[in-house]
Amino acid sequence: LTGSAAPRIIDVREDHEWAKGHLPG
């Protein structure tokens, strides 16, 4: 994530899980 070619990060959890916190970006 700190590199020059950062990957796309996809959170595949449920909505209520996402709302409690997720990876930056």
PDBML (XML) file of the C-alpha atoms, coordinates in Angstrom:
<?xml version="1.0" encoding="UTF-8" ?>
<PDBx:datablock datablockName="MODEL"
   xmlns:PDBx="http://pdbml.pdb.org/schema/pdbx-v50.xsd"
   xmlns:xsi="http://www.w3.org/2001/XMLSchema-instance"
   xsi:schemaLocation="http://pdbml.pdb.org/schema/pdbx-v50.xsd pdbx-v50.xsd">
   <PDBx:atom_siteCategory>
      <PDBx:atom_site id="1">
         <PDBx:B_iso_or_equiv>0.00</PDBx:B_iso_or_equiv>
         <PDBx:Cartn_x>0.000</PDBx:Cartn_x>
         <PDBx:Cartn_y>0.000</PDBx:Cartn_y>
         <PDBx:Cartn_z>0.000</PDBx:Cartn_z>
         <PDBx:auth_asym_id>A</PDBx:auth_asym_id>
         <PDBx:auth_atom_id>CA</PDBx:auth_atom_id>
         <PDBx:auth_comp_id>LEU</PDBx:auth_comp_id>
         <PDBx:auth_seq_id>1</PDBx:auth_seq_id>
         <PDBx:group_PDB>ATOM</PDBx:group_PDB>
         <PDBx:label_alt_id xsi:nil="true" />
         <PDBx:label_asym_id>A</PDBx:label_asym_id>
         <PDBx:label_atom_id>CA</PDBx:label_atom_id>
         <PDBx:label_comp_id>LEU</PDBx:label_comp_id>
         <PDBx:label_entity_id>1</PDBx:label_entity_id>
         <PDBx:label_seq_id>1</PDBx:label_seq_id>
         <PDBx:occupancy>1.00</PDBx:occupancy>
         <PDBx:pdbx_PDB_model_num>1</PDBx:pdbx_PDB_model_num>
         <PDBx:type_symbol>C</PDBx:type_symbol>
      </PDBx:atom_site>
      <PDBx:atom_site id="2">
         <PDBx:B_iso_or_equiv>0.00</PDBx:B_iso_or_equiv>
         <PDBx:Cartn_x>2.946</PDBx:Cartn_x>
         <PDBx:Cartn_y>2.332</PDBx:Cartn_y>
         <PDBx:Cartn_z>0.557</PDBx:Cartn_z>
         <PDBx:auth_asym_id>A</PDBx:auth_asym_id>
         <PDBx:auth_atom_id>CA</PDBx:auth_atom_id>
         <PDBx:auth_comp_id>THR</PDBx:auth_comp_id>
         <PDBx:auth_seq_id>2</PDBx:auth_seq_id>
         <PDBx:group_PDB>ATOM</PDBx:group_PDB>
         <PDBx:label_alt_id xsi:nil="true" />
         <PDBx:label_asym_id>A</PDBx:label_asym_id>
         <PDBx:label_atom_id>CA</PDBx:label_atom_id>
         <PDBx:label_comp_id>THR</PDBx:label_comp_id>
         <PDBx:label_entity_id>1</PDBx:label_entity_id>
         <PDBx:label_seq_id>2</PDBx:label_seq_id>
         <PDBx:occupancy>1.00</PDBx:occupancy>
         <PDBx:pdbx_PDB_model_num>1</PDBx:pdbx_PDB_model_num>
         <PDBx:type_symbol>C</PDBx:type_symbol>
      </PDBx:atom_site>
      <PDBx:atom_site id="3">
         <PDBx:B_iso_or_equiv>0.00</PDBx:B_iso_or_equiv>
         <PDBx:Cartn_x>4.616</PDBx:Cartn_x>
         <PDBx:Cartn_y>1.397</PDBx:Cartn_y>
         <PDBx:Cartn_z>-2.732</PDBx:Cartn_z>
         <PDBx:auth_asym_id>A</PDBx:auth_asym_id>
         <PDBx:auth_atom_id>CA</PDBx:auth_atom_id>
         <PDBx:auth_comp_id>GLY</PDBx:auth_comp_id>
         <PDBx:auth_seq_id>3</PDBx:auth_seq_id>
         <PDBx:group_PDB>ATOM</PDBx:group_PDB>
         <PDBx:label_alt_id xsi:nil="true" />
         <PDBx:label_asym_id>A</PDBx:label_asym_id>
         <PDBx:label_atom_id>CA</PDBx:label_atom_id>
         <PDBx:label_comp_id>GLY</PDBx:label_comp_id>
         <PDBx:label_entity_id>1</PDBx:label_entity_id>
         <PDBx:label_seq_id>3</PDBx:label_seq_id>
         <PDBx:occupancy>1.00</PDBx:occupancy>
         <PDBx:pdbx_PDB_model_num>1</PDBx:pdbx_PDB_model_num>
         <PDBx:type_symbol>C</PDBx:type_symbol>
      </PDBx:atom_site>
      <PDBx:atom_site id="4">
         <PDBx:B_iso_or_equiv>0.00</PDBx:B_iso_or_equiv>
         <PDBx:Cartn_x>4.453</PDBx:Cartn_x>
         <PDBx:Cartn_y>3.310</PDBx:Cartn_y>
         <PDBx:Cartn_z>-6.000</PDBx:Cartn_z>
         <PDBx:auth_asym_id>A</PDBx:auth_asym_id>
         <PDBx:auth_atom_id>CA</PDBx:auth_atom_id>
         <PDBx:auth_comp_id>SER</PDBx:auth_comp_id>
         <PDBx:auth_seq_id>4</PDBx:auth_seq_id>
         <PDBx:group_PDB>ATOM</PDBx:group_PDB>
         <PDBx:label_alt_id xsi:nil="true" />
         <PDBx:label_asym_id>A</PDBx:label_asym_id>
         <PDBx:label_atom_id>CA</PDBx:label_atom_id>
         <PDBx:label_comp_id>SER</PDBx:label_comp_id>
         <PDBx:label_entity_id>1</PDBx:label_entity_id>
         <PDBx:label_seq_id>4</PDBx:label_seq_id>
         <PDBx:occupancy>1.00</PDBx:occupancy>
         <PDBx:pdbx_PDB_model_num>1</PDBx:pdbx_PDB_model_num>
         <PDBx:type_symbol>C</PDBx:type_symbol>
      </PDBx:atom_site>
      <PDBx:atom_site id="5">
         <PDBx:B_iso_or_equiv>0.00</PDBx:B_iso_or_equiv>
         <PDBx:Cartn_x>2.046</PDBx:Cartn_x>
         <PDBx:Cartn_y>0.856</PDBx:Cartn_y>
         <PDBx:Cartn_z>-7.664</PDBx:Cartn_z>
         <PDBx:auth_asym_id>A</PDBx:auth_asym_id>
         <PDBx:auth_atom_id>CA</PDBx:auth_atom_id>
         <PDBx:auth_comp_id>ALA</PDBx:auth_comp_id>
         <PDBx:auth_seq_id>5</PDBx:auth_seq_id>
         <PDBx:group_PDB>ATOM</PDBx:group_PDB>
         <PDBx:label_alt_id xsi:nil="true" />
         <PDBx:label_asym_id>A</PDBx:label_asym_id>
         <PDBx:label_atom_id>CA</PDBx:label_atom_id>
         <PDBx:label_comp_id>ALA</PDBx:label_comp_id>
         <PDBx:label_entity_id>1</PDBx:label_entity_id>
         <PDBx:label_seq_id>5</PDBx:label_seq_id>
         <PDBx:occupancy>1.00</PDBx:occupancy>
         <PDBx:pdbx_PDB_model_num>1</PDBx:pdbx_PDB_model_num>
         <PDBx:type_symbol>C</PDBx:type_symbol>
      </PDBx:atom_site>
      <PDBx:atom_site id="6">
         <PDBx:B_iso_or_equiv>0.00</PDBx:B_iso_or_equiv>
         <PDBx:Cartn_x>-0.463</PDBx:Cartn_x>
         <PDBx:Cartn_y>0.267</PDBx:Cartn_y>
         <PDBx:Cartn_z>-4.875</PDBx:Cartn_z>
         <PDBx:auth_asym_id>A</PDBx:auth_asym_id>
         <PDBx:auth_atom_id>CA</PDBx:auth_atom_id>
         <PDBx:auth_comp_id>ALA</PDBx:auth_comp_id>
         <PDBx:auth_seq_id>6</PDBx:auth_seq_id>
         <PDBx:group_PDB>ATOM</PDBx:group_PDB>
         <PDBx:label_alt_id xsi:nil="true" />
         <PDBx:label_asym_id>A</PDBx:label_asym_id>
         <PDBx:label_atom_id>CA</PDBx:label_atom_id>
         <PDBx:label_comp_id>ALA</PDBx:label_comp_id>
         <PDBx:label_entity_id>1</PDBx:label_entity_id>
         <PDBx:label_seq_id>6</PDBx:label_seq_id>
         <PDBx:occupancy>1.00</PDBx:occupancy>
         <PDBx:pdbx_PDB_model_num>1</PDBx:pdbx_PDB_model_num>
         <PDBx:type_symbol>C</PDBx:type_symbol>
      </PDBx:atom_site>
      <PDBx:atom_site id="7">
         <PDBx:B_iso_or_equiv>0.00</PDBx:B_iso_or_equiv>
         <PDBx:Cartn_x>-2.998</PDBx:Cartn_x>
         <PDBx:Cartn_y>-2.512</PDBx:Cartn_y>
         <PDBx:Cartn_z>-5.518</PDBx:Cartn_z>
         <PDBx:auth_asym_id>A</PDBx:auth_asym_id>
         <PDBx:auth_atom_id>CA</PDBx:auth_atom_id>
         <PDBx:auth_comp_id>PRO</PDBx:auth_comp_id>
         <PDBx:auth_seq_id>7</PDBx:auth_seq_id>
         <PDBx:group_PDB>ATOM</PDBx:group_PDB>
         <PDBx:label_alt_id xsi:nil="true" />
         <PDBx:label_asym_id>A</PDBx:label_asym_id>
         <PDBx:label_atom_id>CA</PDBx:label_atom_id>
         <PDBx:label_comp_id>PRO</PDBx:label_comp_id>
         <PDBx:label_entity_id>1</PDBx:label_entity_id>
         <PDBx:label_seq_id>7</PDBx:label_seq_id>
         <PDBx:occupancy>1.00</PDBx:occupancy>
         <PDBx:pdbx_PDB_model_num>1</PDBx:pdbx_PDB_model_num>
         <PDBx:type_symbol>C</PDBx:type_symbol>
      </PDBx:atom_site>
      <PDBx:atom_site id="8">
         <PDBx:B_iso_or_equiv>0.00</PDBx:B_iso_or_equiv>
         <PDBx:Cartn_x>-6.773</PDBx:Cartn_x>
         <PDBx:Cartn_y>-2.150</PDBx:Cartn_y>
         <PDBx:Cartn_z>-5.337</PDBx:Cartn_z>
         <PDBx:auth_asym_id>A</PDBx:auth_asym_id>
         <PDBx:auth_atom_id>CA</PDBx:auth_atom_id>
         <PDBx:auth_comp_id>ARG</PDBx:auth_comp_id>
         <PDBx:auth_seq_id>8</PDBx:auth_seq_id>
         <PDBx:group_PDB>ATOM</PDBx:group_PDB>
         <PDBx:label_alt_id xsi:nil="true" />
         <PDBx:label_asym_id>A</PDBx:label_asym_id>
         <PDBx:label_atom_id>CA</PDBx:label_atom_id>
         <PDBx:label_comp_id>ARG</PDBx:label_comp_id>
         <PDBx:label_entity_id>1</PDBx:label_entity_id>
         <PDBx:label_seq_id>8</PDBx:label_seq_id>
         <PDBx:occupancy>1.00</PDBx:occupancy>
         <PDBx:pdbx_PDB_model_num>1</PDBx:pdbx_PDB_model_num>
         <PDBx:type_symbol>C</PDBx:type_symbol>
      </PDBx:atom_site>
      <PDBx:atom_site id="9">
         <PDBx:B_iso_or_equiv>0.00</PDBx:B_iso_or_equiv>
         <PDBx:Cartn_x>-8.010</PDBx:Cartn_x>
         <PDBx:Cartn_y>-3.321</PDBx:Cartn_y>
         <PDBx:Cartn_z>-1.958</PDBx:Cartn_z>
         <PDBx:auth_asym_id>A</PDBx:auth_asym_id>
         <PDBx:auth_atom_id>CA</PDBx:auth_atom_id>
         <PDBx:auth_comp_id>ILE</PDBx:auth_comp_id>
         <PDBx:auth_seq_id>9</PDBx:auth_seq_id>
         <PDBx:group_PDB>ATOM</PDBx:group_PDB>
         <PDBx:label_alt_id xsi:nil="true" />
         <PDBx:label_asym_id>A</PDBx:label_asym_id>
         <PDBx:label_atom_id>CA</PDBx:label_atom_id>
         <PDBx:label_comp_id>ILE</PDBx:label_comp_id>
         <PDBx:label_entity_id>1</PDBx:label_entity_id>
         <PDBx:label_seq_id>9</PDBx:label_seq_id>
         <PDBx:occupancy>1.00</PDBx:occupancy>
         <PDBx:pdbx_PDB_model_num>1</PDBx:pdbx_PDB_model_num>
         <PDBx:type_symbol>C</PDBx:type_symbol>
      </PDBx:atom_site>
      <PDBx:atom_site id="10">
         <PDBx:B_iso_or_equiv>0.00</PDBx:B_iso_or_equiv>
         <PDBx:Cartn_x>-11.473</PDBx:Cartn_x>
         <PDBx:Cartn_y>-4.890</PDBx:Cartn_y>
         <PDBx:Cartn_z>-1.983</PDBx:Cartn_z>
         <PDBx:auth_asym_id>A</PDBx:auth_asym_id>
         <PDBx:auth_atom_id>CA</PDBx:auth_atom_id>
         <PDBx:auth_comp_id>ILE</PDBx:auth_comp_id>
         <PDBx:auth_seq_id>10</PDBx:auth_seq_id>
         <PDBx:group_PDB>ATOM</PDBx:group_PDB>
         <PDBx:label_alt_id xsi:nil="true" />
         <PDBx:label_asym_id>A</PDBx:label_asym_id>
         <PDBx:label_atom_id>CA</PDBx:label_atom_id>
         <PDBx:label_comp_id>ILE</PDBx:label_comp_id>
         <PDBx:label_entity_id>1</PDBx:label_entity_id>
         <PDBx:label_seq_id>10</PDBx:label_seq_id>
         <PDBx:occupancy>1.00</PDBx:occupancy>
         <PDBx:pdbx_PDB_model_num>1</PDBx:pdbx_PDB_model_num>
         <PDBx:type_symbol>C</PDBx:type_symbol>
      </PDBx:atom_site>
      <PDBx:atom_site id="11">
         <PDBx:B_iso_or_equiv>0.00</PDBx:B_iso_or_equiv>
         <PDBx:Cartn_x>-13.393</PDBx:Cartn_x>
         <PDBx:Cartn_y>-5.586</PDBx:Cartn_y>
         <PDBx:Cartn_z>1.236</PDBx:Cartn_z>
         <PDBx:auth_asym_id>A</PDBx:auth_asym_id>
         <PDBx:auth_atom_id>CA</PDBx:auth_atom_id>
         <PDBx:auth_comp_id>ASP</PDBx:auth_comp_id>
         <PDBx:auth_seq_id>11</PDBx:auth_seq_id>
         <PDBx:group_PDB>ATOM</PDBx:group_PDB>
         <PDBx:label_alt_id xsi:nil="true" />
         <PDBx:label_asym_id>A</PDBx:label_asym_id>
         <PDBx:label_atom_id>CA</PDBx:label_atom_id>
         <PDBx:label_comp_id>ASP</PDBx:label_comp_id>
         <PDBx:label_entity_id>1</PDBx:label_entity_id>
         <PDBx:label_seq_id>11</PDBx:label_seq_id>
         <PDBx:occupancy>1.00</PDBx:occupancy>
         <PDBx:pdbx_PDB_model_num>1</PDBx:pdbx_PDB_model_num>
         <PDBx:type_symbol>C</PDBx:type_symbol>
      </PDBx:atom_site>
      <PDBx:atom_site id="12">
         <PDBx:B_iso_or_equiv>0.00</PDBx:B_iso_or_equiv>
         <PDBx:Cartn_x>-15.793</PDBx:Cartn_x>
         <PDBx:Cartn_y>-8.460</PDBx:Cartn_y>
         <PDBx:Cartn_z>0.541</PDBx:Cartn_z>
         <PDBx:auth_asym_id>A</PDBx:auth_asym_id>
         <PDBx:auth_atom_id>CA</PDBx:auth_atom_id>
         <PDBx:auth_comp_id>VAL</PDBx:auth_comp_id>
         <PDBx:auth_seq_id>12</PDBx:auth_seq_id>
         <PDBx:group_PDB>ATOM</PDBx:group_PDB>
         <PDBx:label_alt_id xsi:nil="true" />
         <PDBx:label_asym_id>A</PDBx:label_asym_id>
         <PDBx:label_atom_id>CA</PDBx:label_atom_id>
         <PDBx:label_comp_id>VAL</PDBx:label_comp_id>
         <PDBx:label_entity_id>1</PDBx:label_entity_id>
         <PDBx:label_seq_id>12</PDBx:label_seq_id>
         <PDBx:occupancy>1.00</PDBx:occupancy>
         <PDBx:pdbx_PDB_model_num>1</PDBx:pdbx_PDB_model_num>
         <PDBx:type_symbol>C</PDBx:type_symbol>
      </PDBx:atom_site>
      <PDBx:atom_site id="13">
         <PDBx:B_iso_or_equiv>0.00</PDBx:B_iso_or_equiv>
         <PDBx:Cartn_x>-17.460</PDBx:Cartn_x>
         <PDBx:Cartn_y>-8.433</PDBx:Cartn_y>
         <PDBx:Cartn_z>3.981</PDBx:Cartn_z>
         <PDBx:auth_asym_id>A</PDBx:auth_asym_id>
         <PDBx:auth_atom_id>CA</PDBx:auth_atom_id>
         <PDBx:auth_comp_id>ARG</PDBx:auth_comp_id>
         <PDBx:auth_seq_id>13</PDBx:auth_seq_id>
         <PDBx:group_PDB>ATOM</PDBx:group_PDB>
         <PDBx:label_alt_id xsi:nil="true" />
         <PDBx:label_asym_id>A</PDBx:label_asym_id>
         <PDBx:label_atom_id>CA</PDBx:label_atom_id>
         <PDBx:label_comp_id>ARG</PDBx:label_comp_id>
         <PDBx:label_entity_id>1</PDBx:label_entity_id>
         <PDBx:label_seq_id>13</PDBx:label_seq_id>
         <PDBx:occupancy>1.00</PDBx:occupancy>
         <PDBx:pdbx_PDB_model_num>1</PDBx:pdbx_PDB_model_num>
         <PDBx:type_symbol>C</PDBx:type_symbol>
      </PDBx:atom_site>
      <PDBx:atom_site id="14">
         <PDBx:B_iso_or_equiv>0.00</PDBx:B_iso_or_equiv>
         <PDBx:Cartn_x>-21.075</PDBx:Cartn_x>
         <PDBx:Cartn_y>-7.596</PDBx:Cartn_y>
         <PDBx:Cartn_z>4.747</PDBx:Cartn_z>
         <PDBx:auth_asym_id>A</PDBx:auth_asym_id>
         <PDBx:auth_atom_id>CA</PDBx:auth_atom_id>
         <PDBx:auth_comp_id>GLU</PDBx:auth_comp_id>
         <PDBx:auth_seq_id>14</PDBx:auth_seq_id>
         <PDBx:group_PDB>ATOM</PDBx:group_PDB>
         <PDBx:label_alt_id xsi:nil="true" />
         <PDBx:label_asym_id>A</PDBx:label_asym_id>
         <PDBx:label_atom_id>CA</PDBx:label_atom_id>
         <PDBx:label_comp_id>GLU</PDBx:label_comp_id>
         <PDBx:label_entity_id>1</PDBx:label_entity_id>
         <PDBx:label_seq_id>14</PDBx:label_seq_id>
         <PDBx:occupancy>1.00</PDBx:occupancy>
         <PDBx:pdbx_PDB_model_num>1</PDBx:pdbx_PDB_model_num>
         <PDBx:type_symbol>C</PDBx:type_symbol>
      </PDBx:atom_site>
      <PDBx:atom_site id="15">
         <PDBx:B_iso_or_equiv>0.00</PDBx:B_iso_or_equiv>
         <PDBx:Cartn_x>-22.218</PDBx:Cartn_x>
         <PDBx:Cartn_y>-3.977</PDBx:Cartn_y>
         <PDBx:Cartn_z>5.097</PDBx:Cartn_z>
         <PDBx:auth_asym_id>A</PDBx:auth_asym_id>
         <PDBx:auth_atom_id>CA</PDBx:auth_atom_id>
         <PDBx:auth_comp_id>ASP</PDBx:auth_comp_id>
         <PDBx:auth_seq_id>15</PDBx:auth_seq_id>
         <PDBx:group_PDB>ATOM</PDBx:group_PDB>
         <PDBx:label_alt_id xsi:nil="true" />
         <PDBx:label_asym_id>A</PDBx:label_asym_id>
         <PDBx:label_atom_id>CA</PDBx:label_atom_id>
         <PDBx:label_comp_id>ASP</PDBx:label_comp_id>
         <PDBx:label_entity_id>1</PDBx:label_entity_id>
         <PDBx:label_seq_id>15</PDBx:label_seq_id>
         <PDBx:occupancy>1.00</PDBx:occupancy>
         <PDBx:pdbx_PDB_model_num>1</PDBx:pdbx_PDB_model_num>
         <PDBx:type_symbol>C</PDBx:type_symbol>
      </PDBx:atom_site>
      <PDBx:atom_site id="16">
         <PDBx:B_iso_or_equiv>0.00</PDBx:B_iso_or_equiv>
         <PDBx:Cartn_x>-22.408</PDBx:Cartn_x>
         <PDBx:Cartn_y>-4.111</PDBx:Cartn_y>
         <PDBx:Cartn_z>8.898</PDBx:Cartn_z>
         <PDBx:auth_asym_id>A</PDBx:auth_asym_id>
         <PDBx:auth_atom_id>CA</PDBx:auth_atom_id>
         <PDBx:auth_comp_id>HIS</PDBx:auth_comp_id>
         <PDBx:auth_seq_id>16</PDBx:auth_seq_id>
         <PDBx:group_PDB>ATOM</PDBx:group_PDB>
         <PDBx:label_alt_id xsi:nil="true" />
         <PDBx:label_asym_id>A</PDBx:label_asym_id>
         <PDBx:label_atom_id>CA</PDBx:label_atom_id>
         <PDBx:label_comp_id>HIS</PDBx:label_comp_id>
         <PDBx:label_entity_id>1</PDBx:label_entity_id>
         <PDBx:label_seq_id>16</PDBx:label_seq_id>
         <PDBx:occupancy>1.00</PDBx:occupancy>
         <PDBx:pdbx_PDB_model_num>1</PDBx:pdbx_PDB_model_num>
         <PDBx:type_symbol>C</PDBx:type_symbol>
      </PDBx:atom_site>
      <PDBx:atom_site id="17">
         <PDBx:B_iso_or_equiv>0.00</PDBx:B_iso_or_equiv>
         <PDBx:Cartn_x>-18.828</PDBx:Cartn_x>
         <PDBx:Cartn_y>-5.411</PDBx:Cartn_y>
         <PDBx:Cartn_z>9.088</PDBx:Cartn_z>
         <PDBx:auth_asym_id>A</PDBx:auth_asym_id>
         <PDBx:auth_atom_id>CA</PDBx:auth_atom_id>
         <PDBx:auth_comp_id>GLU</PDBx:auth_comp_id>
         <PDBx:auth_seq_id>17</PDBx:auth_seq_id>
         <PDBx:group_PDB>ATOM</PDBx:group_PDB>
         <PDBx:label_alt_id xsi:nil="true" />
         <PDBx:label_asym_id>A</PDBx:label_asym_id>
         <PDBx:label_atom_id>CA</PDBx:label_atom_id>
         <PDBx:label_comp_id>GLU</PDBx:label_comp_id>
         <PDBx:label_entity_id>1</PDBx:label_entity_id>
         <PDBx:label_seq_id>17</PDBx:label_seq_id>
         <PDBx:occupancy>1.00</PDBx:occupancy>
         <PDBx:pdbx_PDB_model_num>1</PDBx:pdbx_PDB_model_num>
         <PDBx:type_symbol>C</PDBx:type_symbol>
      </PDBx:atom_site>
      <PDBx:atom_site id="18">
         <PDBx:B_iso_or_equiv>0.00</PDBx:B_iso_or_equiv>
         <PDBx:Cartn_x>-17.548</PDBx:Cartn_x>
         <PDBx:Cartn_y>-2.653</PDBx:Cartn_y>
         <PDBx:Cartn_z>6.786</PDBx:Cartn_z>
         <PDBx:auth_asym_id>A</PDBx:auth_asym_id>
         <PDBx:auth_atom_id>CA</PDBx:auth_atom_id>
         <PDBx:auth_comp_id>TRP</PDBx:auth_comp_id>
         <PDBx:auth_seq_id>18</PDBx:auth_seq_id>
         <PDBx:group_PDB>ATOM</PDBx:group_PDB>
         <PDBx:label_alt_id xsi:nil="true" />
         <PDBx:label_asym_id>A</PDBx:label_asym_id>
         <PDBx:label_atom_id>CA</PDBx:label_atom_id>
         <PDBx:label_comp_id>TRP</PDBx:label_comp_id>
         <PDBx:label_entity_id>1</PDBx:label_entity_id>
         <PDBx:label_seq_id>18</PDBx:label_seq_id>
         <PDBx:occupancy>1.00</PDBx:occupancy>
         <PDBx:pdbx_PDB_model_num>1</PDBx:pdbx_PDB_model_num>
         <PDBx:type_symbol>C</PDBx:type_symbol>
      </PDBx:atom_site>
      <PDBx:atom_site id="19">
         <PDBx:B_iso_or_equiv>0.00</PDBx:B_iso_or_equiv>
         <PDBx:Cartn_x>-19.272</PDBx:Cartn_x>
         <PDBx:Cartn_y>-0.004</PDBx:Cartn_y>
         <PDBx:Cartn_z>8.915</PDBx:Cartn_z>
         <PDBx:auth_asym_id>A</PDBx:auth_asym_id>
         <PDBx:auth_atom_id>CA</PDBx:auth_atom_id>
         <PDBx:auth_comp_id>ALA</PDBx:auth_comp_id>
         <PDBx:auth_seq_id>19</PDBx:auth_seq_id>
         <PDBx:group_PDB>ATOM</PDBx:group_PDB>
         <PDBx:label_alt_id xsi:nil="true" />
         <PDBx:label_asym_id>A</PDBx:label_asym_id>
         <PDBx:label_atom_id>CA</PDBx:label_atom_id>
         <PDBx:label_comp_id>ALA</PDBx:label_comp_id>
         <PDBx:label_entity_id>1</PDBx:label_entity_id>
         <PDBx:label_seq_id>19</PDBx:label_seq_id>
         <PDBx:occupancy>1.00</PDBx:occupancy>
         <PDBx:pdbx_PDB_model_num>1</PDBx:pdbx_PDB_model_num>
         <PDBx:type_symbol>C</PDBx:type_symbol>
      </PDBx:atom_site>
      <PDBx:atom_site id="20">
         <PDBx:B_iso_or_equiv>0.00</PDBx:B_iso_or_equiv>
         <PDBx:Cartn_x>-17.302</PDBx:Cartn_x>
         <PDBx:Cartn_y>-1.114</PDBx:Cartn_y>
         <PDBx:Cartn_z>11.989</PDBx:Cartn_z>
         <PDBx:auth_asym_id>A</PDBx:auth_asym_id>
         <PDBx:auth_atom_id>CA</PDBx:auth_atom_id>
         <PDBx:auth_comp_id>LYS</PDBx:auth_comp_id>
         <PDBx:auth_seq_id>20</PDBx:auth_seq_id>
         <PDBx:group_PDB>ATOM</PDBx:group_PDB>
         <PDBx:label_alt_id xsi:nil="true" />
         <PDBx:label_asym_id>A</PDBx:label_asym_id>
         <PDBx:label_atom_id>CA</PDBx:label_atom_id>
         <PDBx:label_comp_id>LYS</PDBx:label_comp_id>
         <PDBx:label_entity_id>1</PDBx:label_entity_id>
         <PDBx:label_seq_id>20</PDBx:label_seq_id>
         <PDBx:occupancy>1.00</PDBx:occupancy>
         <PDBx:pdbx_PDB_model_num>1</PDBx:pdbx_PDB_model_num>
         <PDBx:type_symbol>C</PDBx:type_symbol>
      </PDBx:atom_site>
      <PDBx:atom_site id="21">
         <PDBx:B_iso_or_equiv>0.00</PDBx:B_iso_or_equiv>
         <PDBx:Cartn_x>-13.955</PDBx:Cartn_x>
         <PDBx:Cartn_y>-0.447</PDBx:Cartn_y>
         <PDBx:Cartn_z>10.291</PDBx:Cartn_z>
         <PDBx:auth_asym_id>A</PDBx:auth_asym_id>
         <PDBx:auth_atom_id>CA</PDBx:auth_atom_id>
         <PDBx:auth_comp_id>GLY</PDBx:auth_comp_id>
         <PDBx:auth_seq_id>21</PDBx:auth_seq_id>
         <PDBx:group_PDB>ATOM</PDBx:group_PDB>
         <PDBx:label_alt_id xsi:nil="true" />
         <PDBx:label_asym_id>A</PDBx:label_asym_id>
         <PDBx:label_atom_id>CA</PDBx:label_atom_id>
         <PDBx:label_comp_id>GLY</PDBx:label_comp_id>
         <PDBx:label_entity_id>1</PDBx:label_entity_id>
         <PDBx:label_seq_id>21</PDBx:label_seq_id>
         <PDBx:occupancy>1.00</PDBx:occupancy>
         <PDBx:pdbx_PDB_model_num>1</PDBx:pdbx_PDB_model_num>
         <PDBx:type_symbol>C</PDBx:type_symbol>
      </PDBx:atom_site>
      <PDBx:atom_site id="22">
         <PDBx:B_iso_or_equiv>0.00</PDBx:B_iso_or_equiv>
         <PDBx:Cartn_x>-11.931</PDBx:Cartn_x>
         <PDBx:Cartn_y>-1.273</PDBx:Cartn_y>
         <PDBx:Cartn_z>7.207</PDBx:Cartn_z>
         <PDBx:auth_asym_id>A</PDBx:auth_asym_id>
         <PDBx:auth_atom_id>CA</PDBx:auth_atom_id>
         <PDBx:auth_comp_id>HIS</PDBx:auth_comp_id>
         <PDBx:auth_seq_id>22</PDBx:auth_seq_id>
         <PDBx:group_PDB>ATOM</PDBx:group_PDB>
         <PDBx:label_alt_id xsi:nil="true" />
         <PDBx:label_asym_id>A</PDBx:label_asym_id>
         <PDBx:label_atom_id>CA</PDBx:label_atom_id>
         <PDBx:label_comp_id>HIS</PDBx:label_comp_id>
         <PDBx:label_entity_id>1</PDBx:label_entity_id>
         <PDBx:label_seq_id>22</PDBx:label_seq_id>
         <PDBx:occupancy>1.00</PDBx:occupancy>
         <PDBx:pdbx_PDB_model_num>1</PDBx:pdbx_PDB_model_num>
         <PDBx:type_symbol>C</PDBx:type_symbol>
      </PDBx:atom_site>
      <PDBx:atom_site id="23">
         <PDBx:B_iso_or_equiv>0.00</PDBx:B_iso_or_equiv>
         <PDBx:Cartn_x>-8.499</PDBx:Cartn_x>
         <PDBx:Cartn_y>-0.933</PDBx:Cartn_y>
         <PDBx:Cartn_z>5.637</PDBx:Cartn_z>
         <PDBx:auth_asym_id>A</PDBx:auth_asym_id>
         <PDBx:auth_atom_id>CA</PDBx:auth_atom_id>
         <PDBx:auth_comp_id>LEU</PDBx:auth_comp_id>
         <PDBx:auth_seq_id>23</PDBx:auth_seq_id>
         <PDBx:group_PDB>ATOM</PDBx:group_PDB>
         <PDBx:label_alt_id xsi:nil="true" />
         <PDBx:label_asym_id>A</PDBx:label_asym_id>
         <PDBx:label_atom_id>CA</PDBx:label_atom_id>
         <PDBx:label_comp_id>LEU</PDBx:label_comp_id>
         <PDBx:label_entity_id>1</PDBx:label_entity_id>
         <PDBx:label_seq_id>23</PDBx:label_seq_id>
         <PDBx:occupancy>1.00</PDBx:occupancy>
         <PDBx:pdbx_PDB_model_num>1</PDBx:pdbx_PDB_model_num>
         <PDBx:type_symbol>C</PDBx:type_symbol>
      </PDBx:atom_site>
      <PDBx:atom_site id="24">
         <PDBx:B_iso_or_equiv>0.00</PDBx:B_iso_or_equiv>
         <PDBx:Cartn_x>-7.536</PDBx:Cartn_x>
         <PDBx:Cartn_y>2.597</PDBx:Cartn_y>
         <PDBx:Cartn_z>4.566</PDBx:Cartn_z>
         <PDBx:auth_asym_id>A</PDBx:auth_asym_id>
         <PDBx:auth_atom_id>CA</PDBx:auth_atom_id>
         <PDBx:auth_comp_id>PRO</PDBx:auth_comp_id>
         <PDBx:auth_seq_id>24</PDBx:auth_seq_id>
         <PDBx:group_PDB>ATOM</PDBx:group_PDB>
         <PDBx:label_alt_id xsi:nil="true" />
         <PDBx:label_asym_id>A</PDBx:label_asym_id>
         <PDBx:label_atom_id>CA</PDBx:label_atom_id>
         <PDBx:label_comp_id>PRO</PDBx:label_comp_id>
         <PDBx:label_entity_id>1</PDBx:label_entity_id>
         <PDBx:label_seq_id>24</PDBx:label_seq_id>
         <PDBx:occupancy>1.00</PDBx:occupancy>
         <PDBx:pdbx_PDB_model_num>1</PDBx:pdbx_PDB_model_num>
         <PDBx:type_symbol>C</PDBx:type_symbol>
      </PDBx:atom_site>
      <PDBx:atom_site id="25">
         <PDBx:B_iso_or_equiv>0.00</PDBx:B_iso_or_equiv>
         <PDBx:Cartn_x>-8.404</PDBx:Cartn_x>
         <PDBx:Cartn_y>3.193</PDBx:Cartn_y>
         <PDBx:Cartn_z>0.926</PDBx:Cartn_z>
         <PDBx:auth_asym_id>A</PDBx:auth_asym_id>
         <PDBx:auth_atom_id>CA</PDBx:auth_atom_id>
         <PDBx:auth_comp_id>GLY</PDBx:auth_comp_id>
         <PDBx:auth_seq_id>25</PDBx:auth_seq_id>
         <PDBx:group_PDB>ATOM</PDBx:group_PDB>
         <PDBx:label_alt_id xsi:nil="true" />
         <PDBx:label_asym_id>A</PDBx:label_asym_id>
         <PDBx:label_atom_id>CA</PDBx:label_atom_id>
         <PDBx:label_comp_id>GLY</PDBx:label_comp_id>
         <PDBx:label_entity_id>1</PDBx:label_entity_id>
         <PDBx:label_seq_id>25</PDBx:label_seq_id>
         <PDBx:occupancy>1.00</PDBx:occupancy>
         <PDBx:pdbx_PDB_model_num>1</PDBx:pdbx_PDB_model_num>
         <PDBx:type_symbol>C</PDBx:type_symbol>
      </PDBx:atom_site>
   </PDBx:atom_siteCategory>
</PDBx:datablock>
